[in-house]
Amino acid sequence: MGYAVSHMIDDSDSLPKRQAGDYVHAGAKAMLSLIPIASGPAVELFSLLLAPPLERRKEAWLEGLYERLKRMEEQVAGFHFEDLEHNEVFVSAAVQATRAAMATHQQDKLEYLRNALLNIALGKGPSEELQQVFVGAVEVFSASHIKVLNVLWKGAGDLSQKALWGSASPNGIRDYGKAITALHPELANQDNLVRYIMSDLRSRGFTNLGGPADPFPQGGSNAITNMGVEFLRFVLEPGDQKK
């Protein structure tokens, strides 16, 4: 990431592009050359099929991050883009997030990672070690993990706003499974996935709920813990947004 940070502080309008024979191609070939069954043709096939899209992902990610950071410099008093080169906490988090960004094509996950870095750049969010935990959680979570967790946090309000739940609503949403699918219809008929997600969130200390059948709504740390709220604010609320 030292390369990326040092080049992001350039005065040009966009992040400079890497040249042909970039580090991703070289690194991929070096790794495959250590595998006995990876012959020369296999390495070349890998380079042709996988390395170019990986590099495109990396460049797109860094370009988007660069643009957001430059925009933040214009919006946030006291924030100076060039200071990030010496911000070791940010550089370490950026390396971690960039690895995660290269491993996904989901725009939601890329946005969560970007929001986390914007908050770190501003010195917002949890402690340094918890930041690492949270960025790591985004990497291993599906996008649906964060959607489900957000229902546990703000589901009652979101459903009421959409006139899907409340004293005047005839829909009878009485458990979290129904609340989740009402707000995210794409998760309907995916009971096993929702059950797994809620179990995973519980094991990570983000909720104390047992599963989709738990009565809706439940307040306080039973529905979502303080750490769960802290995580969502870290990845859903970028620090450069004007309040």
C-alpha atoms as a PDB file:
ATOM      1  CA  MET A   1       0.000   0.000   0.000  1.00  0.00           C
ATOM      2  CA  GLY A   2       3.074   2.230   0.355  1.00  0.00           C
ATOM      3  CA  TYR A   3       3.036   2.462  -3.431  1.00  0.00           C
ATOM      4  CA  ALA A   4      -0.617   3.421  -3.472  1.00  0.00           C
ATOM      5  CA  VAL A   5      -0.390   5.988  -0.678  1.00  0.00           C
ATOM      6  CA  SER A   6       2.721   7.625  -2.065  1.00  0.00           C
ATOM      7  CA  HIS A   7       1.101   7.945  -5.482  1.00  0.00           C
ATOM      8  CA  MET A   8      -2.264   9.062  -4.120  1.00  0.00           C
ATOM      9  CA  ILE A   9      -0.661  12.206  -2.775  1.00  0.00           C
ATOM     10  CA  ASP A  10       0.274  13.194  -6.301  1.00  0.00           C
ATOM     11  CA  ASP A  11      -1.377  16.426  -7.453  1.00  0.00           C
ATOM     12  CA  SER A  12      -2.878  14.815 -10.556  1.00  0.00           C
ATOM     13  CA  ASP A  13      -6.630  14.459 -10.882  1.00  0.00           C
ATOM     14  CA  SER A  14      -6.679  10.676 -10.722  1.00  0.00           C
ATOM     15  CA  LEU A  15      -4.680   7.785  -9.378  1.00  0.00           C
ATOM     16  CA  PRO A  16      -1.798   6.902 -11.727  1.00  0.00           C
ATOM     17  CA  LYS A  17      -2.177   3.599 -13.549  1.00  0.00           C
ATOM     18  CA  ARG A  18       0.348   0.783 -13.230  1.00  0.00           C
ATOM     19  CA  GLN A  19       2.437  -0.154 -16.229  1.00  0.00           C
ATOM     20  CA  ALA A  20       2.362  -3.454 -18.109  1.00  0.00           C
ATOM     21  CA  GLY A  21       4.063  -6.302 -16.259  1.00  0.00           C
ATOM     22  CA  ASP A  22       2.489  -5.109 -13.013  1.00  0.00           C
ATOM     23  CA  TYR A  23       3.039  -6.557  -9.567  1.00  0.00           C
ATOM     24  CA  VAL A  24      -0.120  -8.700  -9.648  1.00  0.00           C
ATOM     25  CA  HIS A  25       1.070 -10.645 -12.699  1.00  0.00           C
ATOM     26  CA  ALA A  26       4.545 -11.054 -11.230  1.00  0.00           C
ATOM     27  CA  GLY A  27       3.236 -12.118  -7.839  1.00  0.00           C
ATOM     28  CA  ALA A  28       0.760 -14.591  -9.296  1.00  0.00           C
ATOM     29  CA  LYS A  29       3.431 -16.221 -11.439  1.00  0.00           C
ATOM     30  CA  ALA A  30       5.832 -16.380  -8.502  1.00  0.00           C
ATOM     31  CA  MET A  31       3.257 -18.102  -6.298  1.00  0.00           C
ATOM     32  CA  LEU A  32       2.256 -20.647  -8.945  1.00  0.00           C
ATOM     33  CA  SER A  33       5.869 -21.417  -9.768  1.00  0.00           C
ATOM     34  CA  LEU A  34       6.264 -22.773  -6.211  1.00  0.00           C
ATOM     35  CA  ILE A  35       3.558 -25.399  -6.825  1.00  0.00           C
ATOM     36  CA  PRO A  36       5.077 -28.565  -8.361  1.00  0.00           C
ATOM     37  CA  ILE A  37       2.073 -29.259 -10.599  1.00  0.00           C
ATOM     38  CA  ALA A  38       1.922 -25.682 -11.869  1.00  0.00           C
ATOM     39  CA  SER A  39       3.753 -25.975 -15.173  1.00  0.00           C
ATOM     40  CA  GLY A  40       4.769 -23.093 -17.374  1.00  0.00           C
ATOM     41  CA  PRO A  41       1.581 -23.268 -19.478  1.00  0.00           C
ATOM     42  CA  ALA A  42      -0.529 -23.324 -16.286  1.00  0.00           C
ATOM     43  CA  VAL A  43       1.156 -20.154 -15.065  1.00  0.00           C
ATOM     44  CA  GLU A  44       0.567 -18.471 -18.396  1.00  0.00           C
ATOM     45  CA  LEU A  45      -3.075 -19.550 -18.427  1.00  0.00           C
ATOM     46  CA  PHE A  46      -3.527 -18.124 -14.950  1.00  0.00           C
ATOM     47  CA  SER A  47      -1.990 -14.852 -16.055  1.00  0.00           C
ATOM     48  CA  LEU A  48      -4.270 -14.644 -19.062  1.00  0.00           C
ATOM     49  CA  LEU A  49      -7.492 -15.506 -17.221  1.00  0.00           C
ATOM     50  CA  LEU A  50      -7.208 -14.263 -13.652  1.00  0.00           C
ATOM     51  CA  ALA A  51      -4.433 -11.729 -13.176  1.00  0.00           C
ATOM     52  CA  PRO A  52      -5.883  -9.038 -15.513  1.00  0.00           C
ATOM     53  CA  PRO A  53      -9.316  -8.901 -13.797  1.00  0.00           C
ATOM     54  CA  LEU A  54      -7.595  -8.864 -10.390  1.00  0.00           C
ATOM     55  CA  GLU A  55      -5.564  -5.873 -11.483  1.00  0.00           C
ATOM     56  CA  ARG A  56      -8.666  -4.144 -12.854  1.00  0.00           C
ATOM     57  CA  ARG A  57     -10.387  -4.662  -9.515  1.00  0.00           C
ATOM     58  CA  LYS A  58      -7.410  -3.254  -7.644  1.00  0.00           C
ATOM     59  CA  GLU A  59      -7.105  -0.200  -9.869  1.00  0.00           C
ATOM     60  CA  ALA A  60     -10.842   0.522  -9.695  1.00  0.00           C
ATOM     61  CA  TRP A  61     -10.799   0.165  -5.922  1.00  0.00           C
ATOM     62  CA  LEU A  62      -7.799   2.455  -5.438  1.00  0.00           C
ATOM     63  CA  GLU A  63      -9.175   4.993  -7.908  1.00  0.00           C
ATOM     64  CA  GLY A  64     -12.500   5.138  -6.053  1.00  0.00           C
ATOM     65  CA  LEU A  65     -10.785   5.402  -2.680  1.00  0.00           C
ATOM     66  CA  TYR A  66      -8.527   8.159  -3.953  1.00  0.00           C
ATOM     67  CA  GLU A  67     -11.478  10.172  -5.246  1.00  0.00           C
ATOM     68  CA  ARG A  68     -13.385   9.861  -1.977  1.00  0.00           C
ATOM     69  CA  LEU A  69     -10.376  10.886   0.088  1.00  0.00           C
ATOM     70  CA  LYS A  70      -9.744  13.918  -2.118  1.00  0.00           C
ATOM     71  CA  ARG A  71     -13.408  14.861  -1.825  1.00  0.00           C
ATOM     72  CA  MET A  72     -13.185  14.481   1.942  1.00  0.00           C
ATOM     73  CA  GLU A  73     -10.309  16.944   1.983  1.00  0.00           C
ATOM     74  CA  GLU A  74     -12.663  19.529   0.468  1.00  0.00           C
ATOM     75  CA  GLN A  75     -15.524  18.748   2.845  1.00  0.00           C
ATOM     76  CA  VAL A  76     -13.870  18.192   6.220  1.00  0.00           C
ATOM     77  CA  ALA A  77     -12.038  21.024   7.932  1.00  0.00           C
ATOM     78  CA  GLY A  78      -8.604  20.055   9.202  1.00  0.00           C
ATOM     79  CA  PHE A  79      -8.303  16.925   7.089  1.00  0.00           C
ATOM     80  CA  HIS A  80      -5.276  16.916   4.786  1.00  0.00           C
ATOM     81  CA  PHE A  81      -4.883  14.117   2.269  1.00  0.00           C
ATOM     82  CA  GLU A  82      -1.092  14.171   2.275  1.00  0.00           C
ATOM     83  CA  ASP A  83      -0.997  13.392   6.017  1.00  0.00           C
ATOM     84  CA  LEU A  84      -2.207   9.858   5.297  1.00  0.00           C
ATOM     85  CA  GLU A  85       1.236   8.887   4.033  1.00  0.00           C
ATOM     86  CA  HIS A  86       2.451   9.086   7.637  1.00  0.00           C
ATOM     87  CA  ASN A  87      -0.677   7.610   9.237  1.00  0.00           C
ATOM     88  CA  GLU A  88       0.433   4.047   9.947  1.00  0.00           C
ATOM     89  CA  VAL A  89      -2.981   3.017  11.271  1.00  0.00           C
ATOM     90  CA  PHE A  90      -4.613   4.094   8.002  1.00  0.00           C
ATOM     91  CA  VAL A  91      -1.931   2.482   5.825  1.00  0.00           C
ATOM     92  CA  SER A  92      -2.278  -0.857   7.638  1.00  0.00           C
ATOM     93  CA  ALA A  93      -6.070  -0.717   7.362  1.00  0.00           C
ATOM     94  CA  ALA A  94      -5.820   0.234   3.676  1.00  0.00           C
ATOM     95  CA  VAL A  95      -3.634  -2.812   2.975  1.00  0.00           C
ATOM     96  CA  GLN A  96      -6.143  -5.043   4.767  1.00  0.00           C
ATOM     97  CA  ALA A  97      -9.125  -3.482   2.991  1.00  0.00           C
ATOM     98  CA  THR A  98      -7.433  -3.634  -0.430  1.00  0.00           C
ATOM     99  CA  ARG A  99      -6.860  -7.368  -0.071  1.00  0.00           C
ATOM    100  CA  ALA A 100     -10.541  -7.762   0.813  1.00  0.00           C
ATOM    101  CA  ALA A 101     -11.625  -5.510  -2.076  1.00  0.00           C
ATOM    102  CA  MET A 102      -9.722  -7.615  -4.618  1.00  0.00           C
ATOM    103  CA  ALA A 103     -11.578 -10.699  -3.411  1.00  0.00           C
ATOM    104  CA  THR A 104     -15.096  -9.411  -4.076  1.00  0.00           C
ATOM    105  CA  HIS A 105     -17.163  -8.088  -6.945  1.00  0.00           C
ATOM    106  CA  GLN A 106     -20.050  -7.005  -4.689  1.00  0.00           C
ATOM    107  CA  GLN A 107     -20.458  -3.246  -4.721  1.00  0.00           C
ATOM    108  CA  ASP A 108     -22.081  -3.255  -1.280  1.00  0.00           C
ATOM    109  CA  LYS A 109     -19.007  -4.839   0.285  1.00  0.00           C
ATOM    110  CA  LEU A 110     -16.696  -2.423  -1.518  1.00  0.00           C
ATOM    111  CA  GLU A 111     -18.731   0.463  -0.124  1.00  0.00           C
ATOM    112  CA  TYR A 112     -18.538  -0.938   3.414  1.00  0.00           C
ATOM    113  CA  LEU A 113     -14.757  -1.252   3.140  1.00  0.00           C
ATOM    114  CA  ARG A 114     -14.451   2.270   1.731  1.00  0.00           C
ATOM    115  CA  ASN A 115     -16.622   3.729   4.507  1.00  0.00           C
ATOM    116  CA  ALA A 116     -14.439   2.041   7.115  1.00  0.00           C
ATOM    117  CA  LEU A 117     -11.283   3.576   5.632  1.00  0.00           C
ATOM    118  CA  LEU A 118     -12.847   7.039   5.467  1.00  0.00           C
ATOM    119  CA  ASN A 119     -13.660   6.815   9.165  1.00  0.00           C
ATOM    120  CA  ILE A 120     -10.142   5.609   9.992  1.00  0.00           C
ATOM    121  CA  ALA A 121      -8.637   8.450   7.942  1.00  0.00           C
ATOM    122  CA  LEU A 122     -10.608  10.902  10.083  1.00  0.00           C
ATOM    123  CA  GLY A 123      -9.607   9.203  13.330  1.00  0.00           C
ATOM    124  CA  LYS A 124     -13.177   8.052  13.953  1.00  0.00           C
ATOM    125  CA  GLY A 125     -14.435   4.667  14.980  1.00  0.00           C
ATOM    126  CA  PRO A 126     -13.294   2.107  17.545  1.00  0.00           C
ATOM    127  CA  SER A 127      -9.825   1.243  18.801  1.00  0.00           C
ATOM    128  CA  GLU A 128      -7.132   0.218  16.326  1.00  0.00           C
ATOM    129  CA  GLU A 129      -7.445  -3.506  17.072  1.00  0.00           C
ATOM    130  CA  LEU A 130     -11.237  -3.427  16.844  1.00  0.00           C
ATOM    131  CA  GLN A 131     -10.931  -1.632  13.512  1.00  0.00           C
ATOM    132  CA  GLN A 132      -8.916  -4.594  12.256  1.00  0.00           C
ATOM    133  CA  VAL A 133     -11.578  -6.968  13.564  1.00  0.00           C
ATOM    134  CA  PHE A 134     -14.336  -4.984  11.843  1.00  0.00           C
ATOM    135  CA  VAL A 135     -12.554  -4.753   8.479  1.00  0.00           C
ATOM    136  CA  GLY A 136     -11.890  -8.490   8.736  1.00  0.00           C
ATOM    137  CA  ALA A 137     -15.592  -9.064   9.425  1.00  0.00           C
ATOM    138  CA  VAL A 138     -16.559  -7.209   6.246  1.00  0.00           C
ATOM    139  CA  GLU A 139     -14.136  -9.426   4.331  1.00  0.00           C
ATOM    140  CA  VAL A 140     -15.688 -12.699   5.529  1.00  0.00           C
ATOM    141  CA  PHE A 141     -19.300 -11.540   5.763  1.00  0.00           C
ATOM    142  CA  SER A 142     -21.703 -11.712   2.873  1.00  0.00           C
ATOM    143  CA  ALA A 143     -23.510  -8.493   2.022  1.00  0.00           C
ATOM    144  CA  SER A 144     -26.609 -10.117   3.538  1.00  0.00           C
ATOM    145  CA  HIS A 145     -24.886 -10.338   6.921  1.00  0.00           C
ATOM    146  CA  ILE A 146     -24.823  -6.579   7.156  1.00  0.00           C
ATOM    147  CA  LYS A 147     -28.359  -6.214   5.819  1.00  0.00           C
ATOM    148  CA  VAL A 148     -29.652  -8.644   8.449  1.00  0.00           C
ATOM    149  CA  LEU A 149     -27.702  -6.948  11.239  1.00  0.00           C
ATOM    150  CA  ASN A 150     -29.115  -3.605  10.178  1.00  0.00           C
ATOM    151  CA  VAL A 151     -32.645  -5.037  10.477  1.00  0.00           C
ATOM    152  CA  LEU A 152     -31.814  -6.035  14.050  1.00  0.00           C
ATOM    153  CA  TRP A 153     -30.745  -2.445  14.686  1.00  0.00           C
ATOM    154  CA  LYS A 154     -33.276  -0.343  12.807  1.00  0.00           C
ATOM    155  CA  GLY A 155     -35.840  -2.825  11.540  1.00  0.00           C
ATOM    156  CA  ALA A 156     -38.832  -1.526  13.504  1.00  0.00           C
ATOM    157  CA  GLY A 157     -38.272   2.026  12.314  1.00  0.00           C
ATOM    158  CA  ASP A 158     -37.594   1.021   8.719  1.00  0.00           C
ATOM    159  CA  LEU A 159     -40.730  -1.146   8.588  1.00  0.00           C
ATOM    160  CA  SER A 160     -42.873   1.588  10.118  1.00  0.00           C
ATOM    161  CA  GLN A 161     -41.515   4.118   7.619  1.00  0.00           C
ATOM    162  CA  LYS A 162     -42.526   1.817   4.779  1.00  0.00           C
ATOM    163  CA  ALA A 163     -45.939   1.198   6.381  1.00  0.00           C
ATOM    164  CA  LEU A 164     -45.122  -2.506   6.651  1.00  0.00           C
ATOM    165  CA  TRP A 165     -45.438  -2.781  10.423  1.00  0.00           C
ATOM    166  CA  GLY A 166     -47.128  -1.056  13.323  1.00  0.00           C
ATOM    167  CA  SER A 167     -50.484  -0.752  15.018  1.00  0.00           C
ATOM    168  CA  ALA A 168     -52.189   0.092  11.710  1.00  0.00           C
ATOM    169  CA  SER A 169     -50.398  -2.599   9.710  1.00  0.00           C
ATOM    170  CA  PRO A 170     -52.247  -5.808   8.851  1.00  0.00           C
ATOM    171  CA  ASN A 171     -49.106  -7.695   7.896  1.00  0.00           C
ATOM    172  CA  GLY A 172     -48.585  -9.328  11.294  1.00  0.00           C
ATOM    173  CA  ILE A 173     -44.775  -9.322  11.393  1.00  0.00           C
ATOM    174  CA  ARG A 174     -44.121 -11.115  14.669  1.00  0.00           C
ATOM    175  CA  ASP A 175     -40.649 -12.612  14.280  1.00  0.00           C
ATOM    176  CA  TYR A 176     -37.289 -11.493  12.932  1.00  0.00           C
ATOM    177  CA  GLY A 177     -37.403 -13.839   9.973  1.00  0.00           C
ATOM    178  CA  LYS A 178     -40.520 -12.104   8.661  1.00  0.00           C
ATOM    179  CA  ALA A 179     -39.066  -8.671   9.417  1.00  0.00           C
ATOM    180  CA  ILE A 180     -35.909  -9.493   7.486  1.00  0.00           C
ATOM    181  CA  THR A 181     -37.722 -10.767   4.398  1.00  0.00           C
ATOM    182  CA  ALA A 182     -40.177  -7.858   4.464  1.00  0.00           C
ATOM    183  CA  LEU A 183     -37.269  -5.421   4.170  1.00  0.00           C
ATOM    184  CA  HIS A 184     -35.130  -7.679   1.967  1.00  0.00           C
ATOM    185  CA  PRO A 185     -37.403  -9.802  -0.257  1.00  0.00           C
ATOM    186  CA  GLU A 186     -34.376 -11.379  -1.940  1.00  0.00           C
ATOM    187  CA  LEU A 187     -33.873 -13.365   1.293  1.00  0.00           C
ATOM    188  CA  ALA A 188     -37.360 -14.884   1.166  1.00  0.00           C
ATOM    189  CA  ASN A 189     -37.325 -18.701   0.961  1.00  0.00           C
ATOM    190  CA  GLN A 190     -33.710 -18.712   2.146  1.00  0.00           C
ATOM    191  CA  ASP A 191     -34.405 -19.804   5.706  1.00  0.00           C
ATOM    192  CA  ASN A 192     -31.183 -21.771   6.052  1.00  0.00           C
ATOM    193  CA  LEU A 193     -29.094 -18.803   4.943  1.00  0.00           C
ATOM    194  CA  VAL A 194     -30.853 -16.374   7.300  1.00  0.00           C
ATOM    195  CA  ARG A 195     -30.533 -18.864  10.159  1.00  0.00           C
ATOM    196  CA  TYR A 196     -26.824 -19.271   9.464  1.00  0.00           C
ATOM    197  CA  ILE A 197     -26.271 -15.508   9.242  1.00  0.00           C
ATOM    198  CA  MET A 198     -27.982 -14.860  12.557  1.00  0.00           C
ATOM    199  CA  SER A 199     -25.994 -17.650  14.215  1.00  0.00           C
ATOM    200  CA  ASP A 200     -22.781 -16.207  12.792  1.00  0.00           C
ATOM    201  CA  LEU A 201     -23.651 -12.700  14.011  1.00  0.00           C
ATOM    202  CA  ARG A 202     -24.357 -14.088  17.471  1.00  0.00           C
ATOM    203  CA  SER A 203     -21.052 -15.988  17.594  1.00  0.00           C
ATOM    204  CA  ARG A 204     -19.215 -12.745  16.793  1.00  0.00           C
ATOM    205  CA  GLY A 205     -20.904 -10.863  19.615  1.00  0.00           C
ATOM    206  CA  PHE A 206     -23.039  -8.628  17.384  1.00  0.00           C
ATOM    207  CA  THR A 207     -26.401  -9.940  18.647  1.00  0.00           C
ATOM    208  CA  ASN A 208     -27.853 -12.123  21.385  1.00  0.00           C
ATOM    209  CA  LEU A 209     -30.830 -13.329  19.347  1.00  0.00           C
ATOM    210  CA  GLY A 210     -31.228 -17.045  18.865  1.00  0.00           C
ATOM    211  CA  GLY A 211     -32.543 -17.021  15.307  1.00  0.00           C
ATOM    212  CA  PRO A 212     -35.216 -15.893  12.841  1.00  0.00           C
ATOM    213  CA  ALA A 213     -38.047 -17.278  15.007  1.00  0.00           C
ATOM    214  CA  ASP A 214     -37.284 -14.895  17.889  1.00  0.00           C
ATOM    215  CA  PRO A 215     -40.201 -12.481  18.571  1.00  0.00           C
ATOM    216  CA  PHE A 216     -40.013  -9.143  16.795  1.00  0.00           C
ATOM    217  CA  PRO A 217     -39.173  -6.554  17.942  1.00  0.00           C
ATOM    218  CA  GLN A 218     -36.739  -6.862  20.833  1.00  0.00           C
ATOM    219  CA  GLY A 219     -34.873  -3.835  22.050  1.00  0.00           C
ATOM    220  CA  GLY A 220     -31.507  -3.259  23.654  1.00  0.00           C
ATOM    221  CA  SER A 221     -28.545  -5.593  23.455  1.00  0.00           C
ATOM    222  CA  ASN A 222     -30.723  -8.638  22.907  1.00  0.00           C
ATOM    223  CA  ALA A 223     -31.457  -7.619  19.329  1.00  0.00           C
ATOM    224  CA  ILE A 224     -28.081  -5.983  18.685  1.00  0.00           C
ATOM    225  CA  THR A 225     -25.146  -5.488  21.021  1.00  0.00           C
ATOM    226  CA  ASN A 226     -23.145  -2.310  21.471  1.00  0.00           C
ATOM    227  CA  MET A 227     -20.387  -3.875  19.381  1.00  0.00           C
ATOM    228  CA  GLY A 228     -22.895  -4.625  16.631  1.00  0.00           C
ATOM    229  CA  VAL A 229     -24.013  -0.987  16.586  1.00  0.00           C
ATOM    230  CA  GLU A 230     -20.398   0.197  16.594  1.00  0.00           C
ATOM    231  CA  PHE A 231     -19.644  -2.072  13.642  1.00  0.00           C
ATOM    232  CA  LEU A 232     -22.610  -0.816  11.611  1.00  0.00           C
ATOM    233  CA  ARG A 233     -21.756   2.832  12.240  1.00  0.00           C
ATOM    234  CA  PHE A 234     -18.195   2.106  11.170  1.00  0.00           C
ATOM    235  CA  VAL A 235     -19.147   0.536   7.826  1.00  0.00           C
ATOM    236  CA  LEU A 236     -22.462   2.224   6.968  1.00  0.00           C
ATOM    237  CA  GLU A 237     -21.815   5.831   7.994  1.00  0.00           C
ATOM    238  CA  PRO A 238     -18.801   7.337   6.188  1.00  0.00           C
ATOM    239  CA  GLY A 239     -17.182  10.140   8.122  1.00  0.00           C
ATOM    240  CA  ASP A 240     -17.169  12.464   5.115  1.00  0.00           C
ATOM    241  CA  GLN A 241     -20.935  12.729   4.969  1.00  0.00           C
ATOM    242  CA  LYS A 242     -22.249  16.171   5.857  1.00  0.00           C
ATOM    243  CA  LYS A 243     -24.694  16.013   8.716  1.00  0.00           C
END
